[in-house]
Amino acid sequence: MNETPTNYVSSRVLKLNVGFLLADGPAHSHDSVLDFPRVRVSDDLTLEYVRGPLRLSRTKEGVLVQAQLEAGIDDECCRCLEPVHRVVHVELEELYGYHSEMQAEFTIGEDANLDLGPLLRDEVLIVTSSRTVCMDDCKGLCPECGANLNRTTCDCHLEILDPRMAVLKKLLDP
C-alpha cells in the first residue's frame, strides 16, 4: 500500500503582503521568484512544488499579478489507476482589486494581503483537466476482475451484449 506523505507547507505561504506596493502608488512593480516545496493550495489540491518568476505591478485599480509557474502534481492514470507524476506549467495574469467598490473576482484584503491560493488552484485545475495516462499504450483494468492488464493477463471472457460490437472483439483476439 502506498502511503502519501502528509507533511506540506501551509497555503499561508501563498498570501503575500503587498502593503509596500500599495503605498508606492501606481506604476511601481516588484519582481520575485516563488520556490515552495510541497504546498497544500486548498483542501482538494496539494502540489509537490511550485516555482517560477512572479511580478506584482501596482495599477490604479489594484495589483496585477503575472507569473509563469511550474508545479509538480501527483495524479493517477485514467485507465489503470496507477500513480503518475506530472509537471504542469501555469501562467497567471490577474488583477487583484484594491477598492471595495471595484467588481473583481480576486481582491486585496484590508490587511493588504493578496491570496494567490484560489487563483493558483483554479489555473492548475484547468491545466490538469485533461485525462492522464501512464503510457500511451496503457491497457487499463479488466472490467470483470479488475486486474491491471499492463502487469498481467486474465482469463476473463467479456460477453458482448451488443452484436454490432462483436466485430471489434476480433481485434482483441490473437
N, C-alpha and C. Protein backbone atom coordinates (compact mmCIF):
# COMPACT_ATOMS: atom_id res chain seq x y z
N MET A 1 0.84 -1.17 0.00
CA MET A 1 0.00 0.00 0.00
C MET A 1 0.89 1.24 0.00
N ASN A 2 0.64 2.15 -0.90
CA ASN A 2 1.40 3.40 -0.96
C ASN A 2 0.87 4.38 0.06
N GLU A 3 1.78 4.94 0.84
CA GLU A 3 1.38 5.96 1.80
C GLU A 3 1.85 7.30 1.28
N THR A 4 0.92 8.24 1.21
CA THR A 4 1.23 9.57 0.73
C THR A 4 1.73 10.40 1.90
N PRO A 5 2.87 11.07 1.76
CA PRO A 5 3.34 11.90 2.85
C PRO A 5 2.36 13.04 3.11
N THR A 6 2.13 13.32 4.39
CA THR A 6 1.18 14.36 4.74
C THR A 6 1.86 15.66 5.09
N ASN A 7 3.17 15.69 5.15
CA ASN A 7 3.84 16.93 5.50
C ASN A 7 3.92 17.84 4.29
N TYR A 8 3.46 19.05 4.48
CA TYR A 8 3.44 20.03 3.41
C TYR A 8 3.46 21.42 4.03
N VAL A 9 3.77 22.38 3.20
CA VAL A 9 3.77 23.77 3.63
C VAL A 9 2.33 24.26 3.55
N SER A 10 1.92 25.04 4.52
CA SER A 10 0.57 25.58 4.55
C SER A 10 0.34 26.55 3.41
N SER A 11 -0.91 26.73 3.04
CA SER A 11 -1.25 27.67 1.97
C SER A 11 -1.01 29.12 2.40
N ARG A 12 -0.68 29.35 3.65
CA ARG A 12 -0.37 30.73 4.10
C ARG A 12 0.81 31.32 3.35
N VAL A 13 1.71 30.47 2.83
CA VAL A 13 2.85 31.00 2.08
C VAL A 13 2.41 31.66 0.78
N LEU A 14 1.18 31.38 0.34
CA LEU A 14 0.66 31.98 -0.88
C LEU A 14 -0.06 33.31 -0.61
N LYS A 15 -0.08 33.73 0.64
CA LYS A 15 -0.66 35.03 0.99
C LYS A 15 0.47 36.04 1.07
N LEU A 16 0.46 36.97 0.14
CA LEU A 16 1.53 37.94 0.03
C LEU A 16 1.08 39.30 0.54
N ASN A 17 1.89 39.92 1.39
CA ASN A 17 1.60 41.26 1.87
C ASN A 17 2.10 42.23 0.82
N VAL A 18 1.18 43.00 0.24
CA VAL A 18 1.53 43.95 -0.80
C VAL A 18 1.35 45.39 -0.34
N GLY A 19 1.34 45.59 0.97
CA GLY A 19 1.17 46.93 1.53
C GLY A 19 2.22 47.91 1.01
N PHE A 20 3.46 47.46 0.90
CA PHE A 20 4.54 48.33 0.41
C PHE A 20 4.26 48.78 -1.02
N LEU A 21 3.66 47.91 -1.82
CA LEU A 21 3.37 48.24 -3.21
C LEU A 21 2.17 49.18 -3.32
N LEU A 22 1.20 48.98 -2.44
CA LEU A 22 0.05 49.88 -2.42
C LEU A 22 0.47 51.28 -2.01
N ALA A 23 1.39 51.36 -1.07
CA ALA A 23 1.86 52.67 -0.60
C ALA A 23 2.69 53.38 -1.67
N ASP A 24 3.40 52.63 -2.50
CA ASP A 24 4.22 53.22 -3.56
C ASP A 24 3.38 53.90 -4.63
N GLY A 25 2.17 53.45 -4.83
CA GLY A 25 1.30 54.04 -5.84
C GLY A 25 1.44 53.37 -7.19
N PRO A 26 0.58 53.78 -8.15
CA PRO A 26 0.60 53.18 -9.49
C PRO A 26 1.95 53.30 -10.18
N ALA A 27 2.18 52.41 -11.11
CA ALA A 27 3.39 52.35 -11.95
C ALA A 27 4.62 51.80 -11.25
N HIS A 28 4.45 51.20 -10.09
CA HIS A 28 5.56 50.53 -9.42
C HIS A 28 5.35 49.02 -9.54
N SER A 29 6.44 48.28 -9.53
CA SER A 29 6.32 46.83 -9.61
C SER A 29 7.38 46.18 -8.72
N HIS A 30 7.15 44.93 -8.47
CA HIS A 30 8.08 44.15 -7.64
C HIS A 30 8.21 42.77 -8.27
N ASP A 31 9.46 42.36 -8.55
CA ASP A 31 9.74 41.04 -9.12
C ASP A 31 10.33 40.13 -8.04
N SER A 32 9.90 38.90 -8.04
CA SER A 32 10.45 37.91 -7.12
C SER A 32 10.31 36.53 -7.76
N VAL A 33 10.81 35.54 -7.06
CA VAL A 33 10.74 34.16 -7.55
C VAL A 33 10.10 33.31 -6.46
N LEU A 34 9.08 32.56 -6.85
CA LEU A 34 8.47 31.60 -5.93
C LEU A 34 9.22 30.29 -6.02
N ASP A 35 9.48 29.69 -4.88
CA ASP A 35 10.12 28.38 -4.84
C ASP A 35 9.70 27.70 -3.54
N PHE A 36 8.55 27.01 -3.62
CA PHE A 36 8.00 26.35 -2.45
C PHE A 36 8.06 24.83 -2.64
N PRO A 37 8.38 24.11 -1.57
CA PRO A 37 8.29 22.64 -1.64
C PRO A 37 6.82 22.25 -1.57
N ARG A 38 6.55 21.04 -1.29
CA ARG A 38 5.17 20.51 -1.20
C ARG A 38 4.27 21.50 -0.47
N VAL A 39 3.27 22.01 -1.18
CA VAL A 39 2.38 23.03 -0.61
C VAL A 39 0.93 22.62 -0.80
N ARG A 40 0.17 22.78 0.25
CA ARG A 40 -1.27 22.48 0.20
C ARG A 40 -1.98 23.76 -0.22
N VAL A 41 -2.43 23.81 -1.46
CA VAL A 41 -3.06 25.00 -2.01
C VAL A 41 -4.49 25.13 -1.49
N SER A 42 -5.21 24.03 -1.43
CA SER A 42 -6.58 24.01 -0.91
C SER A 42 -6.86 22.60 -0.41
N ASP A 43 -8.07 22.40 0.10
CA ASP A 43 -8.42 21.07 0.63
C ASP A 43 -8.33 19.97 -0.42
N ASP A 44 -8.55 20.35 -1.68
CA ASP A 44 -8.56 19.34 -2.73
C ASP A 44 -7.34 19.38 -3.65
N LEU A 45 -6.31 20.16 -3.30
CA LEU A 45 -5.14 20.25 -4.18
C LEU A 45 -3.86 20.48 -3.37
N THR A 46 -2.95 19.53 -3.50
CA THR A 46 -1.61 19.65 -2.94
C THR A 46 -0.63 19.51 -4.08
N LEU A 47 0.27 20.48 -4.20
CA LEU A 47 1.29 20.46 -5.25
C LEU A 47 2.61 20.00 -4.65
N GLU A 48 3.35 19.19 -5.38
CA GLU A 48 4.65 18.71 -4.91
C GLU A 48 5.66 19.84 -4.82
N TYR A 49 5.54 20.81 -5.67
CA TYR A 49 6.37 22.01 -5.61
C TYR A 49 5.72 23.07 -6.49
N VAL A 50 6.08 24.32 -6.24
CA VAL A 50 5.67 25.45 -7.08
C VAL A 50 6.89 26.35 -7.20
N ARG A 51 7.25 26.69 -8.44
CA ARG A 51 8.39 27.59 -8.61
C ARG A 51 8.26 28.36 -9.92
N GLY A 52 8.84 29.55 -9.89
CA GLY A 52 8.84 30.37 -11.10
C GLY A 52 8.82 31.85 -10.76
N PRO A 53 9.03 32.68 -11.78
CA PRO A 53 9.07 34.13 -11.56
C PRO A 53 7.67 34.70 -11.34
N LEU A 54 7.64 35.73 -10.50
CA LEU A 54 6.39 36.41 -10.15
C LEU A 54 6.61 37.91 -10.23
N ARG A 55 5.69 38.60 -10.88
CA ARG A 55 5.74 40.06 -10.94
C ARG A 55 4.44 40.62 -10.40
N LEU A 56 4.56 41.57 -9.47
CA LEU A 56 3.42 42.28 -8.92
C LEU A 56 3.54 43.72 -9.38
N SER A 57 2.54 44.22 -10.11
CA SER A 57 2.57 45.58 -10.63
C SER A 57 1.38 46.37 -10.08
N ARG A 58 1.67 47.52 -9.52
CA ARG A 58 0.62 48.39 -8.95
C ARG A 58 -0.06 49.16 -10.07
N THR A 59 -1.38 49.12 -10.08
CA THR A 59 -2.18 49.89 -11.02
C THR A 59 -3.13 50.77 -10.23
N LYS A 60 -3.92 51.58 -10.92
CA LYS A 60 -4.91 52.41 -10.23
C LYS A 60 -5.95 51.55 -9.52
N GLU A 61 -6.28 50.43 -10.13
CA GLU A 61 -7.34 49.57 -9.60
C GLU A 61 -6.87 48.59 -8.53
N GLY A 62 -5.58 48.29 -8.49
CA GLY A 62 -5.09 47.31 -7.54
C GLY A 62 -3.71 46.82 -7.90
N VAL A 63 -3.53 45.49 -7.88
CA VAL A 63 -2.23 44.88 -8.18
C VAL A 63 -2.42 43.82 -9.25
N LEU A 64 -1.65 43.95 -10.31
CA LEU A 64 -1.66 42.96 -11.40
C LEU A 64 -0.63 41.89 -11.07
N VAL A 65 -1.07 40.65 -11.03
CA VAL A 65 -0.20 39.51 -10.75
C VAL A 65 0.11 38.83 -12.07
N GLN A 66 1.39 38.65 -12.35
CA GLN A 66 1.83 37.93 -13.54
C GLN A 66 2.88 36.92 -13.11
N ALA A 67 2.71 35.67 -13.53
CA ALA A 67 3.66 34.63 -13.15
C ALA A 67 3.65 33.52 -14.20
N GLN A 68 4.79 32.90 -14.35
CA GLN A 68 4.91 31.69 -15.16
C GLN A 68 5.49 30.63 -14.24
N LEU A 69 4.61 29.79 -13.73
CA LEU A 69 4.99 28.84 -12.70
C LEU A 69 5.04 27.42 -13.24
N GLU A 70 5.88 26.64 -12.60
CA GLU A 70 5.97 25.21 -12.85
C GLU A 70 5.57 24.53 -11.55
N ALA A 71 4.71 23.53 -11.66
CA ALA A 71 4.25 22.83 -10.47
C ALA A 71 4.27 21.33 -10.72
N GLY A 72 4.59 20.58 -9.68
CA GLY A 72 4.54 19.13 -9.75
C GLY A 72 3.26 18.66 -9.09
N ILE A 73 2.60 17.73 -9.73
CA ILE A 73 1.34 17.24 -9.18
C ILE A 73 1.30 15.72 -9.31
N ASP A 74 0.80 15.08 -8.27
CA ASP A 74 0.61 13.63 -8.31
C ASP A 74 -0.80 13.36 -8.79
N ASP A 75 -0.91 12.56 -9.82
CA ASP A 75 -2.18 12.26 -10.46
C ASP A 75 -2.30 10.75 -10.55
N GLU A 76 -3.32 10.27 -11.22
CA GLU A 76 -3.42 8.84 -11.48
C GLU A 76 -3.88 8.61 -12.90
N CYS A 77 -3.44 7.51 -13.45
CA CYS A 77 -3.79 7.14 -14.82
C CYS A 77 -5.30 6.89 -14.88
N CYS A 78 -5.94 7.44 -15.88
CA CYS A 78 -7.39 7.28 -16.00
C CYS A 78 -7.78 5.88 -16.48
N ARG A 79 -6.80 5.09 -16.95
CA ARG A 79 -7.11 3.74 -17.44
C ARG A 79 -6.81 2.66 -16.41
N CYS A 80 -5.62 2.74 -15.77
CA CYS A 80 -5.21 1.66 -14.85
C CYS A 80 -5.12 2.12 -13.40
N LEU A 81 -5.32 3.40 -13.14
CA LEU A 81 -5.32 3.98 -11.79
C LEU A 81 -3.96 3.97 -11.10
N GLU A 82 -2.88 3.75 -11.86
CA GLU A 82 -1.53 3.80 -11.29
C GLU A 82 -1.15 5.26 -11.05
N PRO A 83 -0.36 5.54 -10.01
CA PRO A 83 0.07 6.92 -9.77
C PRO A 83 0.97 7.43 -10.88
N VAL A 84 0.79 8.70 -11.23
CA VAL A 84 1.57 9.34 -12.28
C VAL A 84 1.99 10.72 -11.77
N HIS A 85 3.28 11.03 -11.87
CA HIS A 85 3.75 12.36 -11.50
C HIS A 85 3.74 13.23 -12.75
N ARG A 86 3.12 14.40 -12.66
CA ARG A 86 3.04 15.31 -13.80
C ARG A 86 3.68 16.64 -13.44
N VAL A 87 4.29 17.25 -14.43
CA VAL A 87 4.79 18.61 -14.29
C VAL A 87 3.87 19.49 -15.15
N VAL A 88 3.29 20.49 -14.54
CA VAL A 88 2.39 21.38 -15.27
C VAL A 88 2.95 22.80 -15.26
N HIS A 89 2.68 23.49 -16.34
CA HIS A 89 3.10 24.89 -16.46
C HIS A 89 1.85 25.75 -16.39
N VAL A 90 1.89 26.70 -15.48
CA VAL A 90 0.73 27.55 -15.22
C VAL A 90 1.13 29.00 -15.44
N GLU A 91 0.34 29.68 -16.25
CA GLU A 91 0.58 31.10 -16.48
C GLU A 91 -0.53 31.88 -15.77
N LEU A 92 -0.11 32.75 -14.86
CA LEU A 92 -1.07 33.57 -14.12
C LEU A 92 -1.01 35.01 -14.63
N GLU A 93 -2.16 35.59 -14.82
CA GLU A 93 -2.26 37.02 -15.11
C GLU A 93 -3.63 37.46 -14.66
N GLU A 94 -3.66 38.14 -13.51
CA GLU A 94 -4.93 38.51 -12.91
C GLU A 94 -4.78 39.81 -12.14
N LEU A 95 -5.81 40.64 -12.21
CA LEU A 95 -5.83 41.89 -11.47
C LEU A 95 -6.57 41.66 -10.16
N TYR A 96 -5.88 41.91 -9.07
CA TYR A 96 -6.48 41.86 -7.75
C TYR A 96 -6.95 43.27 -7.41
N GLY A 97 -8.26 43.42 -7.25
CA GLY A 97 -8.83 44.74 -6.96
C GLY A 97 -8.51 45.20 -5.56
N TYR A 98 -8.33 46.51 -5.42
CA TYR A 98 -8.00 47.06 -4.11
C TYR A 98 -9.16 47.84 -3.51
N HIS A 99 -9.92 48.52 -4.31
CA HIS A 99 -11.02 49.34 -3.79
C HIS A 99 -12.25 48.47 -3.60
N SER A 100 -12.95 48.68 -2.50
CA SER A 100 -14.09 47.84 -2.16
C SER A 100 -15.22 47.96 -3.17
N GLU A 101 -15.35 49.11 -3.84
CA GLU A 101 -16.43 49.27 -4.81
C GLU A 101 -16.11 48.62 -6.17
N MET A 102 -14.88 48.21 -6.35
CA MET A 102 -14.48 47.58 -7.61
C MET A 102 -15.00 46.14 -7.69
N GLN A 103 -15.60 45.79 -8.82
CA GLN A 103 -16.09 44.44 -9.03
C GLN A 103 -14.94 43.59 -9.58
N ALA A 104 -14.33 42.77 -8.73
CA ALA A 104 -13.22 41.92 -9.15
C ALA A 104 -13.40 40.55 -8.52
N GLU A 105 -12.99 39.53 -9.25
CA GLU A 105 -13.09 38.17 -8.72
C GLU A 105 -12.12 37.97 -7.56
N PHE A 106 -10.93 38.56 -7.68
CA PHE A 106 -9.91 38.45 -6.65
C PHE A 106 -9.64 39.85 -6.09
N THR A 107 -9.56 39.95 -4.78
CA THR A 107 -9.35 41.25 -4.16
C THR A 107 -8.22 41.19 -3.13
N ILE A 108 -7.74 42.37 -2.79
CA ILE A 108 -6.74 42.52 -1.74
C ILE A 108 -7.49 42.87 -0.47
N GLY A 109 -7.20 42.16 0.60
CA GLY A 109 -7.90 42.40 1.85
C GLY A 109 -7.51 43.71 2.51
N GLU A 110 -8.26 44.09 3.51
CA GLU A 110 -7.98 45.32 4.26
C GLU A 110 -6.61 45.25 4.93
N ASP A 111 -6.12 44.06 5.19
CA ASP A 111 -4.80 43.87 5.79
C ASP A 111 -3.68 43.92 4.76
N ALA A 112 -4.01 44.28 3.52
CA ALA A 112 -3.07 44.40 2.39
C ALA A 112 -2.48 43.06 1.96
N ASN A 113 -3.20 41.97 2.26
CA ASN A 113 -2.75 40.65 1.84
C ASN A 113 -3.45 40.22 0.56
N LEU A 114 -2.67 39.66 -0.33
CA LEU A 114 -3.14 39.16 -1.61
C LEU A 114 -2.98 37.64 -1.56
N ASP A 115 -4.05 36.90 -1.75
CA ASP A 115 -4.01 35.44 -1.64
C ASP A 115 -3.92 34.81 -3.02
N LEU A 116 -2.76 34.24 -3.34
CA LEU A 116 -2.56 33.57 -4.62
C LEU A 116 -3.21 32.19 -4.68
N GLY A 117 -3.56 31.63 -3.53
CA GLY A 117 -4.08 30.26 -3.46
C GLY A 117 -5.27 29.99 -4.37
N PRO A 118 -6.37 30.74 -4.26
CA PRO A 118 -7.53 30.45 -5.11
C PRO A 118 -7.24 30.58 -6.61
N LEU A 119 -6.45 31.58 -6.99
CA LEU A 119 -6.09 31.75 -8.40
C LEU A 119 -5.24 30.58 -8.88
N LEU A 120 -4.24 30.20 -8.10
CA LEU A 120 -3.37 29.09 -8.46
C LEU A 120 -4.17 27.79 -8.56
N ARG A 121 -5.07 27.55 -7.63
CA ARG A 121 -5.92 26.36 -7.65
C ARG A 121 -6.73 26.31 -8.94
N ASP A 122 -7.41 27.43 -9.26
CA ASP A 122 -8.23 27.46 -10.47
C ASP A 122 -7.42 27.14 -11.71
N GLU A 123 -6.27 27.76 -11.84
CA GLU A 123 -5.45 27.58 -13.04
C GLU A 123 -4.87 26.18 -13.13
N VAL A 124 -4.44 25.60 -12.01
CA VAL A 124 -3.91 24.24 -12.03
C VAL A 124 -5.01 23.25 -12.39
N LEU A 125 -6.20 23.45 -11.86
CA LEU A 125 -7.30 22.53 -12.18
C LEU A 125 -7.68 22.62 -13.66
N ILE A 126 -7.59 23.79 -14.24
CA ILE A 126 -7.87 23.93 -15.68
C ILE A 126 -6.81 23.19 -16.48
N VAL A 127 -5.54 23.37 -16.12
CA VAL A 127 -4.45 22.73 -16.86
C VAL A 127 -4.50 21.21 -16.72
N THR A 128 -4.91 20.71 -15.57
CA THR A 128 -4.91 19.26 -15.33
C THR A 128 -6.26 18.61 -15.63
N SER A 129 -7.17 19.34 -16.26
CA SER A 129 -8.49 18.77 -16.52
C SER A 129 -8.48 17.67 -17.58
N SER A 130 -7.44 17.61 -18.38
CA SER A 130 -7.38 16.54 -19.38
C SER A 130 -7.01 15.23 -18.70
N ARG A 131 -7.42 14.16 -19.32
CA ARG A 131 -7.15 12.84 -18.74
C ARG A 131 -5.67 12.50 -18.83
N THR A 132 -5.17 11.87 -17.79
CA THR A 132 -3.77 11.48 -17.71
C THR A 132 -3.65 9.98 -17.93
N VAL A 133 -2.68 9.57 -18.73
CA VAL A 133 -2.39 8.15 -18.89
C VAL A 133 -0.92 7.92 -18.53
N CYS A 134 -0.64 6.77 -17.96
CA CYS A 134 0.72 6.45 -17.53
C CYS A 134 1.64 6.21 -18.72
N MET A 135 1.09 5.68 -19.80
CA MET A 135 1.83 5.47 -21.05
C MET A 135 0.80 5.43 -22.18
N ASP A 136 1.24 5.75 -23.36
CA ASP A 136 0.31 5.85 -24.49
C ASP A 136 -0.45 4.56 -24.76
N ASP A 137 0.20 3.42 -24.55
CA ASP A 137 -0.45 2.14 -24.84
C ASP A 137 -0.95 1.44 -23.58
N CYS A 138 -1.34 2.21 -22.58
CA CYS A 138 -1.86 1.63 -21.34
C CYS A 138 -3.09 0.78 -21.66
N LYS A 139 -3.10 -0.44 -21.12
CA LYS A 139 -4.19 -1.38 -21.40
C LYS A 139 -5.34 -1.26 -20.40
N GLY A 140 -5.11 -0.57 -19.29
CA GLY A 140 -6.17 -0.35 -18.31
C GLY A 140 -6.42 -1.54 -17.42
N LEU A 141 -7.61 -1.56 -16.85
CA LEU A 141 -8.03 -2.62 -15.93
C LEU A 141 -9.05 -3.52 -16.62
N CYS A 142 -9.03 -4.79 -16.26
CA CYS A 142 -10.04 -5.71 -16.76
C CYS A 142 -11.38 -5.32 -16.13
N PRO A 143 -12.43 -5.14 -16.92
CA PRO A 143 -13.71 -4.74 -16.36
C PRO A 143 -14.39 -5.84 -15.54
N GLU A 144 -13.94 -7.08 -15.68
CA GLU A 144 -14.53 -8.18 -14.93
C GLU A 144 -13.84 -8.39 -13.59
N CYS A 145 -12.51 -8.59 -13.61
CA CYS A 145 -11.80 -8.95 -12.37
C CYS A 145 -10.99 -7.79 -11.78
N GLY A 146 -10.78 -6.73 -12.56
CA GLY A 146 -10.04 -5.57 -12.06
C GLY A 146 -8.53 -5.69 -12.15
N ALA A 147 -8.02 -6.71 -12.81
CA ALA A 147 -6.57 -6.89 -12.94
C ALA A 147 -5.98 -5.79 -13.82
N ASN A 148 -4.79 -5.34 -13.44
CA ASN A 148 -4.09 -4.36 -14.25
C ASN A 148 -3.50 -5.09 -15.45
N LEU A 149 -4.03 -4.82 -16.63
CA LEU A 149 -3.65 -5.55 -17.83
C LEU A 149 -2.26 -5.18 -18.34
N ASN A 150 -1.64 -4.16 -17.77
CA ASN A 150 -0.25 -3.82 -18.10
C ASN A 150 0.71 -4.78 -17.41
N ARG A 151 0.29 -5.35 -16.28
CA ARG A 151 1.16 -6.22 -15.48
C ARG A 151 0.88 -7.70 -15.66
N THR A 152 -0.37 -8.00 -15.98
CA THR A 152 -0.76 -9.41 -16.03
C THR A 152 -1.85 -9.59 -17.09
N THR A 153 -2.14 -10.83 -17.36
CA THR A 153 -3.28 -11.14 -18.23
C THR A 153 -4.29 -11.87 -17.36
N CYS A 154 -5.51 -11.86 -17.80
CA CYS A 154 -6.53 -12.58 -17.04
C CYS A 154 -7.30 -13.49 -17.98
N ASP A 155 -8.07 -14.39 -17.42
CA ASP A 155 -8.81 -15.36 -18.21
C ASP A 155 -10.28 -14.98 -18.35
N CYS A 156 -10.58 -13.75 -18.05
CA CYS A 156 -11.98 -13.30 -18.16
C CYS A 156 -12.36 -13.22 -19.63
N HIS A 157 -13.56 -13.64 -19.91
CA HIS A 157 -14.08 -13.56 -21.27
C HIS A 157 -15.26 -12.60 -21.22
N LEU A 158 -15.09 -11.49 -21.87
CA LEU A 158 -16.13 -10.48 -21.86
C LEU A 158 -17.26 -10.88 -22.80
N GLU A 159 -18.45 -10.79 -22.27
CA GLU A 159 -19.63 -11.09 -23.09
C GLU A 159 -20.00 -9.83 -23.85
N ILE A 160 -20.14 -9.97 -25.14
CA ILE A 160 -20.53 -8.83 -25.97
C ILE A 160 -22.05 -8.75 -25.97
N LEU A 161 -22.57 -7.69 -25.36
CA LEU A 161 -24.01 -7.55 -25.26
C LEU A 161 -24.62 -6.97 -26.54
N ASP A 162 -23.88 -6.14 -27.22
CA ASP A 162 -24.37 -5.51 -28.44
C ASP A 162 -23.74 -6.24 -29.63
N PRO A 163 -24.53 -6.94 -30.44
CA PRO A 163 -23.97 -7.72 -31.55
C PRO A 163 -23.20 -6.87 -32.56
N ARG A 164 -23.49 -5.59 -32.63
CA ARG A 164 -22.75 -4.73 -33.56
C ARG A 164 -21.30 -4.57 -33.14
N MET A 165 -21.01 -4.80 -31.88
CA MET A 165 -19.65 -4.66 -31.37
C MET A 165 -18.84 -5.95 -31.47
N ALA A 166 -19.46 -7.03 -31.83
CA ALA A 166 -18.78 -8.34 -31.90
C ALA A 166 -17.62 -8.29 -32.88
N VAL A 167 -17.72 -7.52 -33.91
CA VAL A 167 -16.63 -7.42 -34.89
C VAL A 167 -15.40 -6.83 -34.25
N LEU A 168 -15.55 -5.91 -33.31
CA LEU A 168 -14.41 -5.30 -32.64
C LEU A 168 -13.68 -6.29 -31.75
N LYS A 169 -14.38 -7.29 -31.22
CA LYS A 169 -13.74 -8.27 -30.34
C LYS A 169 -12.68 -9.05 -31.11
N LYS A 170 -12.84 -9.19 -32.40
CA LYS A 170 -11.86 -9.91 -33.21
C LYS A 170 -10.51 -9.21 -33.18
N LEU A 171 -10.50 -7.92 -32.98
CA LEU A 171 -9.25 -7.17 -32.91
C LEU A 171 -8.46 -7.55 -31.65
N LEU A 172 -9.16 -7.95 -30.60
CA LEU A 172 -8.51 -8.32 -29.35
C LEU A 172 -8.01 -9.75 -29.34
N ASP A 173 -8.61 -10.59 -30.14
CA ASP A 173 -8.23 -11.99 -30.17
C ASP A 173 -6.92 -12.16 -30.95
N PRO A 174 -5.99 -12.99 -30.39
CA PRO A 174 -4.70 -13.19 -31.09
C PRO A 174 -4.83 -14.08 -32.30
